[in-house]
C-alpha atoms as a PDB file:
ATOM      1  CA  MET A   1      95.417 132.521 117.507  1.00  0.00           C
ATOM      2  CA  PHE A   2      96.130 135.282 120.023  1.00  0.00           C
ATOM      3  CA  LYS A   3      94.419 136.896 123.007  1.00  0.00           C
ATOM      4  CA  VAL A   4      93.550 140.438 123.991  1.00  0.00           C
ATOM      5  CA  THR A   5      92.885 140.730 127.716  1.00  0.00           C
ATOM      6  CA  PHE A   6      90.789 143.561 129.127  1.00  0.00           C
ATOM      7  CA  THR A   7      91.199 144.512 132.790  1.00  0.00           C
ATOM      8  CA  GLY A   8      89.947 147.264 135.050  1.00  0.00           C
ATOM      9  CA  LYS A   9      86.385 148.572 135.103  1.00  0.00           C
ATOM     10  CA  HIS A  10      85.213 145.744 132.815  1.00  0.00           C
ATOM     11  CA  GLU A  11      87.103 142.507 132.268  1.00  0.00           C
ATOM     12  CA  GLY A  12      87.225 139.834 129.605  1.00  0.00           C
ATOM     13  CA  ILE A  13      89.371 138.037 127.054  1.00  0.00           C
ATOM     14  CA  ALA A  14      88.962 138.060 123.286  1.00  0.00           C
ATOM     15  CA  GLU A  15      90.494 135.142 121.389  1.00  0.00           C
ATOM     16  CA  LEU A  16      91.251 136.324 117.867  1.00  0.00           C
ATOM     17  CA  GLU A  17      92.455 134.702 114.673  1.00  0.00           C
ATOM     18  CA  GLN A  18      93.021 137.906 112.715  1.00  0.00           C
ATOM     19  CA  GLU A  19      93.916 141.537 113.354  1.00  0.00           C
ATOM     20  CA  LEU A  20      91.046 143.471 114.918  1.00  0.00           C
ATOM     21  CA  SER A  21      90.584 146.850 116.608  1.00  0.00           C
ATOM     22  CA  LEU A  22      90.566 146.837 120.397  1.00  0.00           C
ATOM     23  CA  LEU A  23      87.031 148.229 120.254  1.00  0.00           C
ATOM     24  CA  HIS A  24      85.773 145.253 118.242  1.00  0.00           C
ATOM     25  CA  ALA A  25      87.856 142.838 120.333  1.00  0.00           C
ATOM     26  CA  ALA A  26      86.131 144.200 123.453  1.00  0.00           C
ATOM     27  CA  ARG A  27      82.744 143.519 121.865  1.00  0.00           C
ATOM     28  CA  ARG A  28      83.789 139.949 121.083  1.00  0.00           C
ATOM     29  CA  ALA A  29      84.866 139.516 124.719  1.00  0.00           C
ATOM     30  CA  GLY A  30      81.534 140.871 125.961  1.00  0.00           C
ATOM     31  CA  VAL A  31      83.317 143.855 127.494  1.00  0.00           C
ATOM     32  CA  GLU A  32      81.506 147.184 127.642  1.00  0.00           C
ATOM     33  CA  LEU A  33      83.661 149.961 126.213  1.00  0.00           C
ATOM     34  CA  THR A  34      82.176 153.436 125.716  1.00  0.00           C
ATOM     35  CA  HIS A  35      82.594 154.936 122.232  1.00  0.00           C
ATOM     36  CA  ARG A  36      80.298 157.930 121.843  1.00  0.00           C
ATOM     37  CA  CYS A  37      81.485 158.937 118.381  1.00  0.00           C
ATOM     38  CA  GLY A  38      80.883 155.465 116.951  1.00  0.00           C
ATOM     39  CA  GLY A  39      84.567 154.586 116.675  1.00  0.00           C
ATOM     40  CA  HIS A  40      85.684 157.484 114.463  1.00  0.00           C
ATOM     41  CA  ALA A  41      88.480 158.957 116.649  1.00  0.00           C
ATOM     42  CA  ARG A  42      86.539 162.087 117.515  1.00  0.00           C
ATOM     43  CA  CYS A  43      85.663 161.827 121.213  1.00  0.00           C
ATOM     44  CA  GLY A  44      88.314 159.873 123.129  1.00  0.00           C
ATOM     45  CA  THR A  45      85.780 157.955 125.241  1.00  0.00           C
ATOM     46  CA  CYS A  46      87.269 154.588 124.218  1.00  0.00           C
ATOM     47  CA  ARG A  47      90.661 155.429 125.748  1.00  0.00           C
ATOM     48  CA  VAL A  48      92.496 152.449 127.261  1.00  0.00           C
ATOM     49  CA  THR A  49      95.914 151.964 128.850  1.00  0.00           C
ATOM     50  CA  VAL A  50      98.276 149.364 127.395  1.00  0.00           C
ATOM     51  CA  GLU A  51      99.582 147.132 130.175  1.00  0.00           C
ATOM     52  CA  GLU A  52     101.389 144.474 128.106  1.00  0.00           C
ATOM     53  CA  GLY A  53     101.994 143.650 124.470  1.00  0.00           C
ATOM     54  CA  GLY A  54     102.337 147.153 123.059  1.00  0.00           C
ATOM     55  CA  ALA A  55     104.569 145.733 120.329  1.00  0.00           C
ATOM     56  CA  HIS A  56     101.563 143.719 119.111  1.00  0.00           C
ATOM     57  CA  LEU A  57      99.463 146.818 118.532  1.00  0.00           C
ATOM     58  CA  SER A  58      99.310 149.107 115.502  1.00  0.00           C
ATOM     59  CA  GLU A  59     101.223 152.392 115.402  1.00  0.00           C
ATOM     60  CA  LYS A  60      99.382 155.575 116.365  1.00  0.00           C
ATOM     61  CA  GLY A  61      97.878 157.302 113.360  1.00  0.00           C
ATOM     62  CA  ALA A  62      97.333 161.033 112.849  1.00  0.00           C
ATOM     63  CA  ALA A  63      93.707 161.107 114.092  1.00  0.00           C
ATOM     64  CA  GLU A  64      94.530 159.104 117.220  1.00  0.00           C
ATOM     65  CA  THR A  65      97.617 161.199 117.955  1.00  0.00           C
ATOM     66  CA  ARG A  66      95.588 164.400 117.620  1.00  0.00           C
ATOM     67  CA  ILE A  67      92.826 163.276 120.019  1.00  0.00           C
ATOM     68  CA  LEU A  68      95.293 161.846 122.544  1.00  0.00           C
ATOM     69  CA  GLY A  69      97.190 165.159 122.456  1.00  0.00           C
ATOM     70  CA  ILE A  70      94.015 167.122 123.151  1.00  0.00           C
ATOM     71  CA  LEU A  71      93.270 164.767 126.065  1.00  0.00           C
ATOM     72  CA  LYS A  72      96.859 165.078 127.360  1.00  0.00           C
ATOM     73  CA  ALA A  73      96.999 161.283 127.421  1.00  0.00           C
ATOM     74  CA  GLY A  74      99.983 159.349 128.732  1.00  0.00           C
ATOM     75  CA  SER A  75     102.343 157.503 126.408  1.00  0.00           C
ATOM     76  CA  GLU A  76     100.710 154.127 127.129  1.00  0.00           C
ATOM     77  CA  GLU A  77      97.169 155.363 126.458  1.00  0.00           C
ATOM     78  CA  ARG A  78      95.465 154.507 123.182  1.00  0.00           C
ATOM     79  CA  LEU A  79      92.073 154.863 121.520  1.00  0.00           C
ATOM     80  CA  ALA A  80      90.513 151.406 121.248  1.00  0.00           C
ATOM     81  CA  CYS A  81      88.732 152.371 118.033  1.00  0.00           C
ATOM     82  CA  GLN A  82      92.034 153.222 116.316  1.00  0.00           C
ATOM     83  CA  THR A  83      94.329 150.558 117.798  1.00  0.00           C
ATOM     84  CA  TRP A  84      94.557 147.212 116.022  1.00  0.00           C
ATOM     85  CA  ALA A  85      95.848 144.100 117.789  1.00  0.00           C
ATOM     86  CA  HIS A  86      97.838 141.509 115.877  1.00  0.00           C
ATOM     87  CA  GLY A  87      99.213 139.538 118.838  1.00  0.00           C
ATOM     88  CA  ASP A  88      98.769 138.997 122.569  1.00  0.00           C
ATOM     89  CA  ALA A  89      98.105 142.207 124.504  1.00  0.00           C
ATOM     90  CA  SER A  90      96.562 143.373 127.752  1.00  0.00           C
ATOM     91  CA  VAL A  91      94.788 146.725 128.175  1.00  0.00           C
ATOM     92  CA  ARG A  92      93.134 148.405 131.142  1.00  0.00           C
ATOM     93  CA  ILE A  93      89.751 150.102 130.812  1.00  0.00           C
ATOM     94  CA  GLY A  94      88.975 153.113 132.963  1.00  0.00           C
END
């Protein structure tokens, strides 16, 4: 079992037994995370900042990289809908 901790605008902890997207982990933790496009890497509204545990997150895919480039996102920013956790991590919302 591992934990994904959400900090910032909304806070909570998701305890997970299997790999899950940060967007779905937020839902499990009862954390509100905007995702206007329905989690399809089109809008960037689910952007989060990785605080710890980046090594326990999936690599950036082409769709995520494209949207983050358009948004001029920092290197630690990710789209929650496209980022899968497979170990302990902490991300900031907002």
